[in-house]
Amino acid sequence: MDNAIEVRDLVVERGRRRVLHGITCTIPRGSVTGLLGPSGSGKTTLIRAIVGVQFVRSGAVTVLGRPAGSAPLRRELGYVTQAPSVYADLSVRENARYFATLLGLHAAEADRAIADVGLSGARHQLVGNLSGGQRSRASLACAMIGEPKLLVLDEPTVGQDPVLRADLWGRFHELADAGTTLLVSSHVMDEAGRCDRLLLIREGRLIGDDTPAAIRASAGTDDLEEAFLRLIREQEKVAA
């Protein structure tokens, strides 16, 4: 099976408001796919549907060959939310080792994940005493334990300094080269060029689904942010 994720005609509503309008896309295995769009565009809602925690109005989401949210996926999927998902009253190492224990793994796996996100120097600090960026990295370390087949990361680089952001993206590609599939959301367009493939979303609609090079070519510009704007204008013309 070539695709890690398949989304077909996905519709999500909240109250009387439609949040996602019939999204259809696929995400290839062993790739770093960026989910790009402004805040409020529906990125997190789509991610929640993929990890199986979002009620959907209609459509289907298949993850690693199973319906999203299936119990067997719990050991194959790592998910990092925008809000840190670790225990504030435990140290970085205690958090990581706790999650490793849940997966039946040794402490060395936890320590390796901590090192991968650049937190070895802070491993004994309580998570509650860390900066916001460090807490996000602690959550990422816990999600990476056990080498999940799929990592879904909701804006994991927000609040990180440029050097660390570059290091994290390098690590994302190392994981993809080893066979892990990564879906990484961001509203920062300069991260788009770091992805193998892009999903561009605006107001709950998918307006772009291709490689960065192909999106640049179709929009007639080398600037990905300008390409996104041109796609938006084209969509508005069609709607009119």
C-alpha atoms as a PDB file:
ATOM      1  CA  MET A   1       0.000   0.000   0.000  1.00  0.00           C
ATOM      2  CA  ASP A   2       1.585   3.285  -1.164  1.00  0.00           C
ATOM      3  CA  ASN A   3      -0.501   5.687   0.932  1.00  0.00           C
ATOM      4  CA  ALA A   4      -0.333   6.041   4.686  1.00  0.00           C
ATOM      5  CA  ILE A   5      -3.442   8.248   4.812  1.00  0.00           C
ATOM      6  CA  GLU A   6      -6.462   8.427   2.515  1.00  0.00           C
ATOM      7  CA  VAL A   7      -9.158  11.053   3.041  1.00  0.00           C
ATOM      8  CA  ARG A   8     -12.302  10.852   0.920  1.00  0.00           C
ATOM      9  CA  ASP A   9     -15.036  13.537   0.715  1.00  0.00           C
ATOM     10  CA  LEU A  10     -14.527  14.535   4.361  1.00  0.00           C
ATOM     11  CA  VAL A  11     -17.132  16.907   5.776  1.00  0.00           C
ATOM     12  CA  VAL A  12     -16.981  18.210   9.345  1.00  0.00           C
ATOM     13  CA  GLU A  13     -19.563  20.509  10.922  1.00  0.00           C
ATOM     14  CA  ARG A  14     -19.655  22.292  14.250  1.00  0.00           C
ATOM     15  CA  GLY A  15     -23.129  23.383  15.159  1.00  0.00           C
ATOM     16  CA  ARG A  16     -24.529  24.850  11.960  1.00  0.00           C
ATOM     17  CA  ARG A  17     -21.131  25.842  10.585  1.00  0.00           C
ATOM     18  CA  ARG A  18     -19.314  23.650   8.069  1.00  0.00           C
ATOM     19  CA  VAL A  19     -15.603  23.497   8.942  1.00  0.00           C
ATOM     20  CA  LEU A  20     -14.342  21.096   6.259  1.00  0.00           C
ATOM     21  CA  HIS A  21     -15.962  21.045   2.831  1.00  0.00           C
ATOM     22  CA  GLY A  22     -15.512  17.618   1.230  1.00  0.00           C
ATOM     23  CA  ILE A  23     -11.735  17.261   1.622  1.00  0.00           C
ATOM     24  CA  THR A  24     -10.144  14.516  -0.484  1.00  0.00           C
ATOM     25  CA  CYS A  25      -6.403  13.810  -0.386  1.00  0.00           C
ATOM     26  CA  THR A  26      -3.788  11.097   0.052  1.00  0.00           C
ATOM     27  CA  ILE A  27      -0.490  11.134   1.923  1.00  0.00           C
ATOM     28  CA  PRO A  28       2.250   8.795   0.668  1.00  0.00           C
ATOM     29  CA  ARG A  29       4.174   6.530   3.001  1.00  0.00           C
ATOM     30  CA  GLY A  30       7.685   7.546   4.023  1.00  0.00           C
ATOM     31  CA  SER A  31       7.165  11.220   3.215  1.00  0.00           C
ATOM     32  CA  VAL A  32       7.108  14.558   5.014  1.00  0.00           C
ATOM     33  CA  THR A  33       3.828  16.193   4.030  1.00  0.00           C
ATOM     34  CA  GLY A  34       3.138  19.748   5.096  1.00  0.00           C
ATOM     35  CA  LEU A  35      -0.383  20.899   5.946  1.00  0.00           C
ATOM     36  CA  LEU A  36      -0.218  24.646   5.348  1.00  0.00           C
ATOM     37  CA  GLY A  37      -2.783  27.337   5.884  1.00  0.00           C
ATOM     38  CA  PRO A  38      -3.634  30.375   8.019  1.00  0.00           C
ATOM     39  CA  SER A  39      -4.939  30.044  11.551  1.00  0.00           C
ATOM     40  CA  GLY A  40      -8.595  28.983  11.503  1.00  0.00           C
ATOM     41  CA  SER A  41      -8.367  27.348   8.079  1.00  0.00           C
ATOM     42  CA  GLY A  42      -9.275  23.867   9.337  1.00  0.00           C
ATOM     43  CA  LYS A  43      -5.813  22.311   9.744  1.00  0.00           C
ATOM     44  CA  THR A  44      -6.343  21.082  13.296  1.00  0.00           C
ATOM     45  CA  THR A  45      -9.827  19.778  12.483  1.00  0.00           C
ATOM     46  CA  LEU A  46      -8.422  17.728   9.597  1.00  0.00           C
ATOM     47  CA  ILE A  47      -5.653  16.416  11.839  1.00  0.00           C
ATOM     48  CA  ARG A  48      -8.161  15.436  14.527  1.00  0.00           C
ATOM     49  CA  ALA A  49     -10.158  13.506  11.915  1.00  0.00           C
ATOM     50  CA  ILE A  50      -7.002  11.683  10.808  1.00  0.00           C
ATOM     51  CA  VAL A  51      -6.083  10.611  14.343  1.00  0.00           C
ATOM     52  CA  GLY A  52      -9.674   9.547  14.970  1.00  0.00           C
ATOM     53  CA  VAL A  53     -10.827  11.995  17.640  1.00  0.00           C
ATOM     54  CA  GLN A  54     -13.061  14.220  15.507  1.00  0.00           C
ATOM     55  CA  PHE A  55     -16.739  13.564  14.849  1.00  0.00           C
ATOM     56  CA  VAL A  56     -17.282  13.764  11.088  1.00  0.00           C
ATOM     57  CA  ARG A  57     -20.483  14.593   9.230  1.00  0.00           C
ATOM     58  CA  SER A  58     -19.649  12.391   6.242  1.00  0.00           C
ATOM     59  CA  GLY A  59     -16.747  10.937   4.298  1.00  0.00           C
ATOM     60  CA  ALA A  60     -14.050   8.449   5.239  1.00  0.00           C
ATOM     61  CA  VAL A  61     -10.509   8.531   6.597  1.00  0.00           C
ATOM     62  CA  THR A  62      -8.210   5.508   6.310  1.00  0.00           C
ATOM     63  CA  VAL A  63      -4.922   5.414   8.224  1.00  0.00           C
ATOM     64  CA  LEU A  64      -2.313   2.717   7.594  1.00  0.00           C
ATOM     65  CA  GLY A  65      -5.009   0.594   5.982  1.00  0.00           C
ATOM     66  CA  ARG A  66      -7.506   0.908   8.862  1.00  0.00           C
ATOM     67  CA  PRO A  67     -10.374   3.279   9.660  1.00  0.00           C
ATOM     68  CA  ALA A  68      -9.130   6.333  11.577  1.00  0.00           C
ATOM     69  CA  GLY A  69      -9.369   5.811  15.317  1.00  0.00           C
ATOM     70  CA  SER A  70      -9.068   2.012  15.177  1.00  0.00           C
ATOM     71  CA  ALA A  71      -7.579   0.531  18.348  1.00  0.00           C
ATOM     72  CA  PRO A  72      -4.534  -1.096  16.632  1.00  0.00           C
ATOM     73  CA  LEU A  73      -3.422   2.349  15.428  1.00  0.00           C
ATOM     74  CA  ARG A  74      -2.655   3.468  18.973  1.00  0.00           C
ATOM     75  CA  ARG A  75       0.743   1.759  18.851  1.00  0.00           C
ATOM     76  CA  GLU A  76       1.488   2.856  15.298  1.00  0.00           C
ATOM     77  CA  LEU A  77       0.648   6.556  15.464  1.00  0.00           C
ATOM     78  CA  GLY A  78       2.307   9.417  17.332  1.00  0.00           C
ATOM     79  CA  TYR A  79       0.327  12.639  17.752  1.00  0.00           C
ATOM     80  CA  VAL A  80       1.574  16.003  19.002  1.00  0.00           C
ATOM     81  CA  THR A  81      -1.117  18.605  19.684  1.00  0.00           C
ATOM     82  CA  GLN A  82      -0.555  22.364  19.729  1.00  0.00           C
ATOM     83  CA  ALA A  83      -0.897  22.330  23.521  1.00  0.00           C
ATOM     84  CA  PRO A  84       1.829  20.365  25.353  1.00  0.00           C
ATOM     85  CA  SER A  85       0.592  16.863  26.182  1.00  0.00           C
ATOM     86  CA  VAL A  86       3.017  15.934  28.950  1.00  0.00           C
ATOM     87  CA  TYR A  87       2.821  15.991  32.752  1.00  0.00           C
ATOM     88  CA  ALA A  88       3.973  19.290  34.249  1.00  0.00           C
ATOM     89  CA  ASP A  89       4.882  17.732  37.620  1.00  0.00           C
ATOM     90  CA  LEU A  90       7.275  15.184  36.085  1.00  0.00           C
ATOM     91  CA  SER A  91      10.712  15.793  34.621  1.00  0.00           C
ATOM     92  CA  VAL A  92      11.364  15.496  30.894  1.00  0.00           C
ATOM     93  CA  ARG A  93      13.040  12.121  31.433  1.00  0.00           C
ATOM     94  CA  GLU A  94      10.267  10.846  33.741  1.00  0.00           C
ATOM     95  CA  ASN A  95       7.651  11.770  31.135  1.00  0.00           C
ATOM     96  CA  ALA A  96       9.548  10.069  28.332  1.00  0.00           C
ATOM     97  CA  ARG A  97      10.247   6.940  30.367  1.00  0.00           C
ATOM     98  CA  TYR A  98       6.608   6.745  31.412  1.00  0.00           C
ATOM     99  CA  PHE A  99       5.484   6.706  27.775  1.00  0.00           C
ATOM    100  CA  ALA A 100       8.199   4.195  26.933  1.00  0.00           C
ATOM    101  CA  THR A 101       6.924   1.917  29.702  1.00  0.00           C
ATOM    102  CA  LEU A 102       3.387   2.111  28.303  1.00  0.00           C
ATOM    103  CA  LEU A 103       4.771   0.771  25.024  1.00  0.00           C
ATOM    104  CA  GLY A 104       6.826  -1.921  26.726  1.00  0.00           C
ATOM    105  CA  LEU A 105      10.122  -0.269  25.739  1.00  0.00           C
ATOM    106  CA  HIS A 106      13.379   0.258  27.619  1.00  0.00           C
ATOM    107  CA  ALA A 107      14.549   3.534  29.143  1.00  0.00           C
ATOM    108  CA  ALA A 108      17.174   3.870  26.419  1.00  0.00           C
ATOM    109  CA  GLU A 109      14.389   4.504  23.890  1.00  0.00           C
ATOM    110  CA  ALA A 110      13.152   7.413  25.983  1.00  0.00           C
ATOM    111  CA  ASP A 111      16.637   8.894  26.345  1.00  0.00           C
ATOM    112  CA  ARG A 112      17.202   8.628  22.590  1.00  0.00           C
ATOM    113  CA  ALA A 113      13.990  10.535  21.863  1.00  0.00           C
ATOM    114  CA  ILE A 114      14.970  13.261  24.334  1.00  0.00           C
ATOM    115  CA  ALA A 115      18.313  13.635  22.576  1.00  0.00           C
ATOM    116  CA  ASP A 116      16.617  13.761  19.166  1.00  0.00           C
ATOM    117  CA  VAL A 117      14.677  16.892  20.133  1.00  0.00           C
ATOM    118  CA  GLY A 118      17.650  18.606  21.795  1.00  0.00           C
ATOM    119  CA  LEU A 119      16.512  18.304  25.409  1.00  0.00           C
ATOM    120  CA  SER A 120      19.290  16.177  26.893  1.00  0.00           C
ATOM    121  CA  GLY A 121      20.540  19.156  28.892  1.00  0.00           C
ATOM    122  CA  ALA A 122      17.083  19.705  30.390  1.00  0.00           C
ATOM    123  CA  ARG A 123      16.152  16.060  30.948  1.00  0.00           C
ATOM    124  CA  HIS A 124      16.065  16.393  34.753  1.00  0.00           C
ATOM    125  CA  GLN A 125      13.970  19.580  34.772  1.00  0.00           C
ATOM    126  CA  LEU A 126      10.287  19.544  35.632  1.00  0.00           C
ATOM    127  CA  VAL A 127       8.198  20.130  32.529  1.00  0.00           C
ATOM    128  CA  GLY A 128       6.276  22.809  34.432  1.00  0.00           C
ATOM    129  CA  ASN A 129       9.497  24.851  34.688  1.00  0.00           C
ATOM    130  CA  LEU A 130      10.327  24.689  30.979  1.00  0.00           C
ATOM    131  CA  SER A 131       9.737  27.385  28.379  1.00  0.00           C
ATOM    132  CA  GLY A 132       6.825  26.938  25.978  1.00  0.00           C
ATOM    133  CA  GLY A 133       9.144  25.830  23.187  1.00  0.00           C
ATOM    134  CA  GLN A 134      10.834  23.277  25.432  1.00  0.00           C
ATOM    135  CA  ARG A 135       7.467  21.864  26.525  1.00  0.00           C
ATOM    136  CA  SER A 136       6.531  21.404  22.878  1.00  0.00           C
ATOM    137  CA  ARG A 137       9.771  19.514  22.315  1.00  0.00           C
ATOM    138  CA  ALA A 138       9.093  17.327  25.360  1.00  0.00           C
ATOM    139  CA  SER A 139       5.717  16.401  23.836  1.00  0.00           C
ATOM    140  CA  LEU A 140       7.428  15.653  20.529  1.00  0.00           C
ATOM    141  CA  ALA A 141       9.977  13.404  22.240  1.00  0.00           C
ATOM    142  CA  CYS A 142       7.195  11.363  23.870  1.00  0.00           C
ATOM    143  CA  ALA A 143       5.384  11.003  20.543  1.00  0.00           C
ATOM    144  CA  MET A 144       8.555   9.766  18.820  1.00  0.00           C
ATOM    145  CA  ILE A 145       9.204   6.946  21.291  1.00  0.00           C
ATOM    146  CA  GLY A 146       8.831   3.521  19.740  1.00  0.00           C
ATOM    147  CA  GLU A 147       9.352   4.765  16.186  1.00  0.00           C
ATOM    148  CA  PRO A 148       5.664   5.020  15.195  1.00  0.00           C
ATOM    149  CA  LYS A 149       4.815   4.377  11.569  1.00  0.00           C
ATOM    150  CA  LEU A 150       2.965   7.693  11.393  1.00  0.00           C
ATOM    151  CA  LEU A 151       3.740  10.974  13.173  1.00  0.00           C
ATOM    152  CA  VAL A 152       1.070  13.677  13.102  1.00  0.00           C
ATOM    153  CA  LEU A 153       2.468  16.975  14.352  1.00  0.00           C
ATOM    154  CA  ASP A 154       0.267  20.046  14.823  1.00  0.00           C
ATOM    155  CA  GLU A 155       2.546  23.099  14.509  1.00  0.00           C
ATOM    156  CA  PRO A 156       5.510  21.456  16.309  1.00  0.00           C
ATOM    157  CA  THR A 157       8.008  24.235  15.554  1.00  0.00           C
ATOM    158  CA  VAL A 158       6.031  27.194  16.937  1.00  0.00           C
ATOM    159  CA  GLY A 159       8.183  29.092  19.429  1.00  0.00           C
ATOM    160  CA  GLN A 160      11.417  27.331  18.443  1.00  0.00           C
ATOM    161  CA  ASP A 161      14.535  29.288  17.495  1.00  0.00           C
ATOM    162  CA  PRO A 162      15.664  29.095  13.840  1.00  0.00           C
ATOM    163  CA  VAL A 163      18.596  26.763  14.509  1.00  0.00           C
ATOM    164  CA  LEU A 164      16.454  24.294  16.421  1.00  0.00           C
ATOM    165  CA  ARG A 165      13.722  24.485  13.790  1.00  0.00           C
ATOM    166  CA  ALA A 166      16.272  23.514  11.141  1.00  0.00           C
ATOM    167  CA  ASP A 167      17.500  20.645  13.336  1.00  0.00           C
ATOM    168  CA  LEU A 168      13.963  19.367  13.867  1.00  0.00           C
ATOM    169  CA  TRP A 169      13.198  19.438  10.147  1.00  0.00           C
ATOM    170  CA  GLY A 170      16.408  17.540   9.531  1.00  0.00           C
ATOM    171  CA  ARG A 171      15.264  14.929  12.028  1.00  0.00           C
ATOM    172  CA  PHE A 172      11.830  14.739  10.370  1.00  0.00           C
ATOM    173  CA  HIS A 173      13.470  13.855   7.065  1.00  0.00           C
ATOM    174  CA  GLU A 174      15.713  11.279   8.720  1.00  0.00           C
ATOM    175  CA  LEU A 175      12.611   9.592  10.111  1.00  0.00           C
ATOM    176  CA  ALA A 176      10.942   9.687   6.692  1.00  0.00           C
ATOM    177  CA  ASP A 177      14.033   8.181   5.056  1.00  0.00           C
ATOM    178  CA  ALA A 178      13.742   5.329   7.582  1.00  0.00           C
ATOM    179  CA  GLY A 179      10.113   4.711   6.584  1.00  0.00           C
ATOM    180  CA  THR A 180       8.074   6.877   8.959  1.00  0.00           C
ATOM    181  CA  THR A 181       5.309   9.012   7.459  1.00  0.00           C
ATOM    182  CA  LEU A 182       5.028  12.539   8.840  1.00  0.00           C
ATOM    183  CA  LEU A 183       2.155  15.006   8.544  1.00  0.00           C
ATOM    184  CA  VAL A 184       3.293  18.397   9.827  1.00  0.00           C
ATOM    185  CA  SER A 185       0.970  21.379  10.068  1.00  0.00           C
ATOM    186  CA  SER A 186       2.187  24.964  10.020  1.00  0.00           C
ATOM    187  CA  HIS A 187       0.991  28.467   9.248  1.00  0.00           C
ATOM    188  CA  VAL A 188       4.575  29.576   8.488  1.00  0.00           C
ATOM    189  CA  MET A 189       5.042  29.509   4.744  1.00  0.00           C
ATOM    190  CA  ASP A 190       8.849  29.385   4.879  1.00  0.00           C
ATOM    191  CA  GLU A 191       8.521  25.820   6.184  1.00  0.00           C
ATOM    192  CA  ALA A 192       6.626  24.756   3.069  1.00  0.00           C
ATOM    193  CA  GLY A 193       9.805  24.331   1.073  1.00  0.00           C
ATOM    194  CA  ARG A 194      11.107  21.788   3.596  1.00  0.00           C
ATOM    195  CA  CYS A 195       8.299  19.328   2.762  1.00  0.00           C
ATOM    196  CA  ASP A 196       8.179  16.553   0.176  1.00  0.00           C
ATOM    197  CA  ARG A 197       4.539  17.351  -0.520  1.00  0.00           C
ATOM    198  CA  LEU A 198       2.120  20.105   0.433  1.00  0.00           C
ATOM    199  CA  LEU A 199      -1.551  20.270   1.288  1.00  0.00           C
ATOM    200  CA  LEU A 200      -2.700  23.899   1.152  1.00  0.00           C
ATOM    201  CA  ILE A 201      -5.952  24.557   2.980  1.00  0.00           C
ATOM    202  CA  ARG A 202      -8.055  27.705   3.309  1.00  0.00           C
ATOM    203  CA  GLU A 203     -11.484  28.142   4.859  1.00  0.00           C
ATOM    204  CA  GLY A 204     -11.937  24.387   5.080  1.00  0.00           C
ATOM    205  CA  ARG A 205     -11.174  23.734   1.414  1.00  0.00           C
ATOM    206  CA  LEU A 206      -8.125  22.112  -0.126  1.00  0.00           C
ATOM    207  CA  ILE A 207      -6.722  24.514  -2.714  1.00  0.00           C
ATOM    208  CA  GLY A 208      -3.386  22.819  -3.387  1.00  0.00           C
ATOM    209  CA  ASP A 209      -2.100  19.238  -3.229  1.00  0.00           C
ATOM    210  CA  ASP A 210       1.280  18.609  -4.865  1.00  0.00           C
ATOM    211  CA  THR A 211       5.036  18.883  -4.447  1.00  0.00           C
ATOM    212  CA  PRO A 212       6.466  22.344  -3.670  1.00  0.00           C
ATOM    213  CA  ALA A 213       8.079  22.423  -7.117  1.00  0.00           C
ATOM    214  CA  ALA A 214       4.808  21.579  -8.872  1.00  0.00           C
ATOM    215  CA  ILE A 215       2.875  24.197  -6.880  1.00  0.00           C
ATOM    216  CA  ARG A 216       5.462  26.833  -7.771  1.00  0.00           C
ATOM    217  CA  ALA A 217       5.260  25.843 -11.441  1.00  0.00           C
ATOM    218  CA  SER A 218       1.461  25.838 -11.592  1.00  0.00           C
ATOM    219  CA  ALA A 219       1.292  29.267  -9.941  1.00  0.00           C
ATOM    220  CA  GLY A 220       4.085  30.680 -12.101  1.00  0.00           C
ATOM    221  CA  THR A 221       6.289  31.857  -9.237  1.00  0.00           C
ATOM    222  CA  ASP A 222       9.270  30.580  -7.233  1.00  0.00           C
ATOM    223  CA  ASP A 223       7.890  32.137  -4.041  1.00  0.00           C
ATOM    224  CA  LEU A 224       5.666  29.613  -2.240  1.00  0.00           C
ATOM    225  CA  GLU A 225       3.832  32.292  -0.285  1.00  0.00           C
ATOM    226  CA  GLU A 226       3.035  34.126  -3.518  1.00  0.00           C
ATOM    227  CA  ALA A 227       2.005  30.788  -5.071  1.00  0.00           C
ATOM    228  CA  PHE A 228      -0.440  30.263  -2.193  1.00  0.00           C
ATOM    229  CA  LEU A 229      -1.892  33.749  -2.731  1.00  0.00           C
ATOM    230  CA  ARG A 230      -2.308  33.114  -6.461  1.00  0.00           C
ATOM    231  CA  LEU A 231      -4.102  29.848  -5.759  1.00  0.00           C
ATOM    232  CA  ILE A 232      -6.451  31.703  -3.412  1.00  0.00           C
ATOM    233  CA  ARG A 233      -7.194  34.341  -6.051  1.00  0.00           C
ATOM    234  CA  GLU A 234      -7.831  31.634  -8.636  1.00  0.00           C
ATOM    235  CA  GLN A 235     -10.221  29.870  -6.280  1.00  0.00           C
ATOM    236  CA  GLU A 236     -12.068  33.154  -5.655  1.00  0.00           C
ATOM    237  CA  LYS A 237     -12.442  33.709  -9.420  1.00  0.00           C
ATOM    238  CA  VAL A 238     -13.905  30.223  -9.860  1.00  0.00           C
ATOM    239  CA  ALA A 239     -16.307  30.740  -6.948  1.00  0.00           C
ATOM    240  CA  ALA A 240     -17.469  34.038  -8.408  1.00  0.00           C
END
